[in-house]
């Protein structure tokens, strides 16, 4: 049996914990669709809290999440769109206080990782002062990450340095968003889910800049595990360097087809283990016990 992910020197997870396509593949065939977080937390030790972007849950739901996830699991909650996209960080005090009631509950239950603020695509460097004022208003005893999406924050000049300095000065992590694998799919080879994802996902420049103690990577992979190899081999030594420096990275693996995301995440972890053999194996998926050997070899590439 693989060692508990809760003892890992980094956090690995996906954008969701509940995907019906994982029942019988990642999770066992009889997994309760209403309790998939319990199954997910046996394999991964973090998850993006994307659901709160759309609506805050009642406290009873938060308590259920904590009970099902287990000790050491971390939720990286996404700031609600009411704050980031509707209020655009201005006059959002009421919405922020409501969000922090959820964060405080998770922190009290030892389940809270960095909460990440995804800026709207149109939020550019001209709005820097608004971002700075909002970040300075946040409680200092929580961890944060910021994902900038406008190209003006990636000018390799004053605007980018200004953002990096702001985040570094407040020990806030800069989100690295890597959608290169997804966009490497040419029209003639991309499947329908990848084509659809390409129409929705941004293509921001990739940065490996570290501004806090929790380097934060969001990786959008190809559905075909093999076609992630180049990018996984690029990221594995970077992640390992962060680990050796005493940081504890948060790595979130997406795929256009959610059914494949856990397999891409495992391929990344396995590549990392080749560099750092002290890392434990990832917990077996249900498909490991049923897949023919040739198929399993494909799933465990690199």
Protein backbone atom coordinates (compact mmCIF):
# COMPACT_ATOMS: atom_id res chain seq x y z
CA UNK A 1 0.00 0.00 0.00
CA UNK A 2 1.28 3.47 -0.88
CA UNK A 3 2.16 5.86 1.92
CA UNK A 4 -0.42 8.43 2.92
CA UNK A 5 -0.36 11.50 0.70
CA UNK A 6 -0.76 13.55 3.86
CA UNK A 7 2.93 12.88 4.60
CA UNK A 8 4.14 14.04 1.19
CA UNK A 9 6.45 17.08 0.96
CA UNK A 10 4.12 18.68 -1.59
CA UNK A 11 0.43 18.86 -2.41
CA UNK A 12 -1.06 17.28 -5.52
CA UNK A 13 -4.67 17.38 -6.66
CA UNK A 14 -7.16 18.47 -9.26
CA UNK A 15 -9.87 21.03 -9.90
CA UNK A 16 -12.68 18.83 -8.52
CA UNK A 17 -13.11 15.80 -6.29
CA UNK A 18 -16.44 14.64 -7.68
CA UNK A 19 -16.41 13.21 -11.19
CA UNK A 20 -18.75 10.35 -12.06
CA UNK A 21 -16.28 9.10 -14.67
CA UNK A 22 -13.83 8.28 -11.88
CA UNK A 23 -16.16 5.66 -10.40
CA UNK A 24 -14.87 2.31 -11.56
CA UNK A 25 -11.63 3.81 -12.91
CA UNK A 26 -9.93 5.93 -10.24
CA UNK A 27 -12.38 5.01 -7.48
CA UNK A 28 -13.77 1.54 -6.87
CA UNK A 29 -16.92 0.51 -8.70
CA UNK A 30 -19.16 0.75 -5.64
CA UNK A 31 -18.08 4.25 -4.60
CA UNK A 32 -20.98 6.33 -3.28
CA UNK A 33 -21.50 9.28 -5.67
CA UNK A 34 -22.44 11.42 -2.66
CA UNK A 35 -19.18 10.69 -0.81
CA UNK A 36 -16.52 10.95 -3.50
CA UNK A 37 -14.43 13.39 -1.47
CA UNK A 38 -13.70 10.53 0.93
CA UNK A 39 -12.41 8.42 -1.99
CA UNK A 40 -10.52 11.32 -3.56
CA UNK A 41 -8.70 12.09 -0.28
CA UNK A 42 -7.33 8.54 -0.17
CA UNK A 43 -5.30 9.36 -3.30
CA UNK A 44 -4.70 13.13 -3.36
CA UNK A 45 -4.01 15.58 -0.55
CA UNK A 46 -5.46 18.82 -1.94
CA UNK A 47 -8.15 20.12 -4.28
CA UNK A 48 -9.07 23.44 -5.83
CA UNK A 49 -12.15 24.84 -4.13
CA UNK A 50 -13.72 26.01 -7.37
CA UNK A 51 -17.28 25.56 -6.15
CA UNK A 52 -17.03 28.59 -3.87
CA UNK A 53 -16.24 30.76 -6.90
CA UNK A 54 -19.93 30.49 -7.77
CA UNK A 55 -21.60 30.27 -4.36
CA UNK A 56 -20.59 29.93 -0.73
CA UNK A 57 -21.65 26.67 0.94
CA UNK A 58 -23.56 26.43 4.22
CA UNK A 59 -21.43 25.63 7.25
CA UNK A 60 -22.92 22.16 7.47
CA UNK A 61 -21.43 21.42 4.06
CA UNK A 62 -18.03 22.76 5.11
CA UNK A 63 -18.11 20.53 8.19
CA UNK A 64 -18.96 17.55 5.97
CA UNK A 65 -15.98 18.36 3.74
CA UNK A 66 -13.66 18.40 6.74
CA UNK A 67 -15.01 15.12 8.08
CA UNK A 68 -14.67 13.35 4.73
CA UNK A 69 -11.25 14.68 3.75
CA UNK A 70 -9.27 13.57 6.80
CA UNK A 71 -6.33 15.00 8.70
CA UNK A 72 -3.70 16.75 6.59
CA UNK A 73 -5.88 17.37 3.55
CA UNK A 74 -5.92 20.95 2.21
CA UNK A 75 -8.58 22.92 0.33
CA UNK A 76 -7.25 25.72 -1.88
CA UNK A 77 -10.36 27.84 -2.01
CA UNK A 78 -10.97 30.17 -4.94
CA UNK A 79 -12.09 33.70 -4.12
CA UNK A 80 -15.75 34.08 -5.14
CA UNK A 81 -16.49 35.77 -8.45
CA UNK A 82 -18.62 38.27 -6.53
CA UNK A 83 -15.32 39.62 -5.20
CA UNK A 84 -12.98 39.17 -8.16
CA UNK A 85 -15.15 39.50 -11.24
CA UNK A 86 -18.25 41.42 -10.16
CA UNK A 87 -16.87 43.85 -7.57
CA UNK A 88 -13.41 43.66 -9.15
CA UNK A 89 -11.85 43.93 -5.67
CA UNK A 90 -13.52 47.27 -4.91
CA UNK A 91 -16.20 47.75 -2.24
CA UNK A 92 -16.22 44.01 -1.62
CA UNK A 93 -16.02 44.08 2.16
CA UNK A 94 -19.27 42.23 2.80
CA UNK A 95 -18.50 39.52 0.26
CA UNK A 96 -14.97 39.14 1.61
CA UNK A 97 -16.17 38.76 5.19
CA UNK A 98 -18.63 36.06 4.11
CA UNK A 99 -15.86 34.19 2.28
CA UNK A 100 -13.58 34.35 5.29
CA UNK A 101 -16.18 32.73 7.48
CA UNK A 102 -15.71 29.64 5.31
CA UNK A 103 -11.92 29.98 5.38
CA UNK A 104 -11.90 30.39 9.15
CA UNK A 105 -13.87 27.18 9.60
CA UNK A 106 -11.47 25.26 7.35
CA UNK A 107 -8.46 26.77 9.09
CA UNK A 108 -9.84 25.87 12.50
CA UNK A 109 -10.30 22.31 11.24
CA UNK A 110 -6.72 22.21 9.84
CA UNK A 111 -7.93 21.80 6.26
CA UNK A 112 -7.02 25.13 4.68
CA UNK A 113 -4.32 25.69 2.08
CA UNK A 114 -3.62 28.91 0.17
CA UNK A 115 -6.77 30.62 -1.10
CA UNK A 116 -6.29 31.79 -4.66
CA UNK A 117 -7.49 34.99 -6.22
CA UNK A 118 -8.01 34.68 -9.97
CA UNK A 119 -8.11 38.12 -11.53
CA UNK A 120 -10.56 38.78 -14.39
CA UNK A 121 -9.05 38.59 -17.91
CA UNK A 122 -9.59 42.36 -18.33
CA UNK A 123 -8.00 43.26 -14.97
CA UNK A 124 -4.73 44.83 -16.17
CA UNK A 125 -1.73 46.63 -14.79
CA UNK A 126 -3.67 49.93 -14.76
CA UNK A 127 -5.69 48.42 -11.92
CA UNK A 128 -2.60 47.62 -9.86
CA UNK A 129 -3.49 50.01 -7.04
CA UNK A 130 -6.86 48.33 -6.60
CA UNK A 131 -5.16 44.94 -6.32
CA UNK A 132 -2.57 46.29 -3.90
CA UNK A 133 -5.17 47.86 -1.64
CA UNK A 134 -7.29 44.73 -1.61
CA UNK A 135 -4.38 42.42 -0.79
CA UNK A 136 -3.25 44.74 2.01
CA UNK A 137 -6.75 44.59 3.49
CA UNK A 138 -6.72 40.80 3.83
CA UNK A 139 -5.98 39.09 7.17
CA UNK A 140 -2.27 38.35 7.44
CA UNK A 141 -2.66 34.99 9.17
CA UNK A 142 -3.95 33.25 6.03
CA UNK A 143 -2.07 32.06 2.93
CA UNK A 144 -2.92 33.37 -0.53
CA UNK A 145 -2.05 32.97 -4.20
CA UNK A 146 -2.82 35.35 -7.06
CA UNK A 147 -3.38 34.43 -10.70
CA UNK A 148 -3.03 37.34 -13.13
CA UNK A 149 -4.50 36.74 -16.57
CA UNK A 150 -3.94 39.99 -18.45
CA UNK A 151 -0.87 40.14 -20.68
CA UNK A 152 0.19 43.49 -19.17
CA UNK A 153 1.32 41.62 -16.05
CA UNK A 154 3.74 39.56 -18.17
CA UNK A 155 5.73 42.35 -19.82
CA UNK A 156 9.11 41.21 -18.40
CA UNK A 157 9.51 44.81 -17.30
CA UNK A 158 8.10 47.28 -14.80
CA UNK A 159 4.54 45.92 -14.57
CA UNK A 160 5.65 42.35 -13.98
CA UNK A 161 8.30 43.38 -11.46
CA UNK A 162 5.80 45.55 -9.63
CA UNK A 163 3.40 42.62 -9.29
CA UNK A 164 6.15 40.21 -8.23
CA UNK A 165 7.44 42.66 -5.63
CA UNK A 166 3.95 43.20 -4.22
CA UNK A 167 3.39 39.46 -3.86
CA UNK A 168 6.87 38.82 -2.44
CA UNK A 169 6.54 41.60 0.12
CA UNK A 170 3.34 40.05 1.42
CA UNK A 171 4.51 36.43 1.09
CA UNK A 172 1.71 35.79 -1.42
CA UNK A 173 2.25 33.05 -3.97
CA UNK A 174 2.18 33.77 -7.69
CA UNK A 175 0.09 31.26 -9.61
CA UNK A 176 1.84 29.62 -12.56
CA UNK A 177 -0.81 28.72 -15.13
CA UNK A 178 0.43 26.36 -17.85
CA UNK A 179 -2.02 25.71 -20.66
CA UNK A 180 0.71 24.97 -23.23
CA UNK A 181 -0.08 21.23 -23.27
CA UNK A 182 -3.73 21.90 -24.10
CA UNK A 183 -2.88 24.33 -26.89
CA UNK A 184 -0.26 21.99 -28.32
CA UNK A 185 -3.19 19.99 -29.69
CA UNK A 186 -3.52 20.99 -33.33
CA UNK A 187 -6.99 21.20 -34.89
CA UNK A 188 -6.53 17.97 -36.81
CA UNK A 189 -5.61 15.94 -33.73
CA UNK A 190 -7.49 17.61 -30.87
CA UNK A 191 -10.54 15.76 -29.62
CA UNK A 192 -13.85 17.56 -29.11
CA UNK A 193 -13.25 18.16 -25.39
CA UNK A 194 -9.84 19.66 -26.06
CA UNK A 195 -11.23 21.91 -28.79
CA UNK A 196 -13.92 23.10 -26.41
CA UNK A 197 -11.39 23.70 -23.63
CA UNK A 198 -9.17 25.70 -26.00
CA UNK A 199 -12.06 28.09 -26.55
CA UNK A 200 -12.38 28.71 -22.80
CA UNK A 201 -8.87 28.56 -21.32
CA UNK A 202 -6.41 31.46 -21.48
CA UNK A 203 -2.87 31.27 -22.84
CA UNK A 204 -0.90 33.37 -20.39
CA UNK A 205 2.90 33.24 -20.51
CA UNK A 206 4.35 30.59 -18.21
CA UNK A 207 6.37 31.84 -15.28
CA UNK A 208 8.18 29.79 -12.66
CA UNK A 209 8.60 32.80 -10.38
CA UNK A 210 8.38 32.06 -6.66
CA UNK A 211 7.04 34.85 -4.44
CA UNK A 212 5.94 32.86 -1.37
CA UNK A 213 6.49 29.61 0.49
CA UNK A 214 3.78 27.70 -1.39
CA UNK A 215 4.63 27.69 -5.12
CA UNK A 216 1.29 27.24 -6.89
CA UNK A 217 1.03 25.53 -10.31
CA UNK A 218 -2.14 24.97 -12.34
CA UNK A 219 -1.35 22.62 -15.22
CA UNK A 220 -3.82 21.98 -18.05
CA UNK A 221 -2.85 18.69 -19.68
CA UNK A 222 -3.72 16.76 -22.81
CA UNK A 223 -6.23 13.92 -22.55
CA UNK A 224 -3.69 11.56 -24.13
CA UNK A 225 -1.23 10.83 -21.30
CA UNK A 226 1.72 10.42 -23.67
CA UNK A 227 1.32 13.92 -25.07
CA UNK A 228 2.06 15.45 -21.66
CA UNK A 229 5.53 13.94 -21.50
CA UNK A 230 7.53 16.98 -22.64
CA UNK A 231 5.81 19.32 -20.18
CA UNK A 232 5.86 16.89 -17.27
CA UNK A 233 9.59 16.35 -17.75
CA UNK A 234 10.03 20.13 -17.72
CA UNK A 235 8.03 20.69 -14.53
CA UNK A 236 9.25 17.75 -12.43
CA UNK A 237 12.75 19.14 -11.68
CA UNK A 238 11.28 22.58 -10.98
CA UNK A 239 8.85 21.12 -8.45
CA UNK A 240 11.60 19.01 -6.91
CA UNK A 241 13.81 22.11 -6.55
CA UNK A 242 11.01 23.85 -4.69
CA UNK A 243 10.69 20.84 -2.37
CA UNK A 244 14.45 20.71 -1.71
CA UNK A 245 14.40 24.43 -0.87
CA UNK A 246 11.98 23.66 1.96
CA UNK A 247 8.91 25.03 0.23
CA UNK A 248 5.72 22.99 -0.03
CA UNK A 249 4.28 23.39 -3.55
CA UNK A 250 0.65 23.06 -4.51
CA UNK A 251 0.20 21.38 -7.90
CA UNK A 252 -3.23 21.17 -9.55
CA UNK A 253 -3.62 19.08 -12.68
CA UNK A 254 -6.47 19.69 -15.11
CA UNK A 255 -7.43 17.97 -18.36
CA UNK A 256 -10.01 18.85 -20.98
CA UNK A 257 -11.61 15.52 -20.17
CA UNK A 258 -11.87 15.38 -16.37
CA UNK A 259 -11.80 11.58 -16.56
CA UNK A 260 -8.12 11.80 -17.50
CA UNK A 261 -6.94 14.41 -14.99
CA UNK A 262 -5.99 11.91 -12.23
CA UNK A 263 -3.92 9.90 -14.70
CA UNK A 264 -2.05 13.01 -15.84
CA UNK A 265 -1.46 13.92 -12.19
CA UNK A 266 -0.10 10.45 -11.50
CA UNK A 267 2.22 10.65 -14.51
CA UNK A 268 3.61 13.90 -13.10
CA UNK A 269 4.09 12.35 -9.68
CA UNK A 270 5.80 9.30 -11.15
CA UNK A 271 8.20 11.51 -13.11
CA UNK A 272 8.93 13.43 -9.92
CA UNK A 273 9.71 10.14 -8.16
CA UNK A 274 12.34 9.36 -10.78
CA UNK A 275 14.15 12.51 -9.71
CA UNK A 276 13.37 12.13 -6.02
CA UNK A 277 13.10 8.39 -5.20
CA UNK A 278 12.30 9.17 -1.57
CA UNK A 279 8.80 10.22 -2.61
CA UNK A 280 6.25 7.46 -1.95
CA UNK A 281 4.17 5.82 -4.64
CA UNK A 282 0.73 7.18 -5.31
CA UNK A 283 -2.20 5.07 -4.12
CA UNK A 284 -3.42 2.57 -6.71
CA UNK A 285 -6.41 3.46 -8.85
CA UNK A 286 -9.24 0.97 -9.29
CA UNK A 287 -8.22 0.54 -12.95
CA UNK A 288 -4.82 -0.77 -11.84
CA UNK A 289 -6.52 -3.96 -10.72
CA UNK A 290 -8.51 -4.44 -13.89
CA UNK A 291 -6.58 -2.92 -16.80
CA UNK A 292 -4.69 -5.25 -19.16
CA UNK A 293 -0.94 -4.93 -18.80
CA UNK A 294 -0.54 -3.06 -22.12
CA UNK A 295 -3.09 -0.45 -21.09
CA UNK A 296 -1.53 -0.07 -17.66
CA UNK A 297 1.86 0.51 -19.23
CA UNK A 298 0.35 3.40 -21.19
CA UNK A 299 -1.08 4.94 -18.03
CA UNK A 300 2.28 4.76 -16.24
CA UNK A 301 4.46 6.31 -18.93
CA UNK A 302 7.72 8.18 -18.52
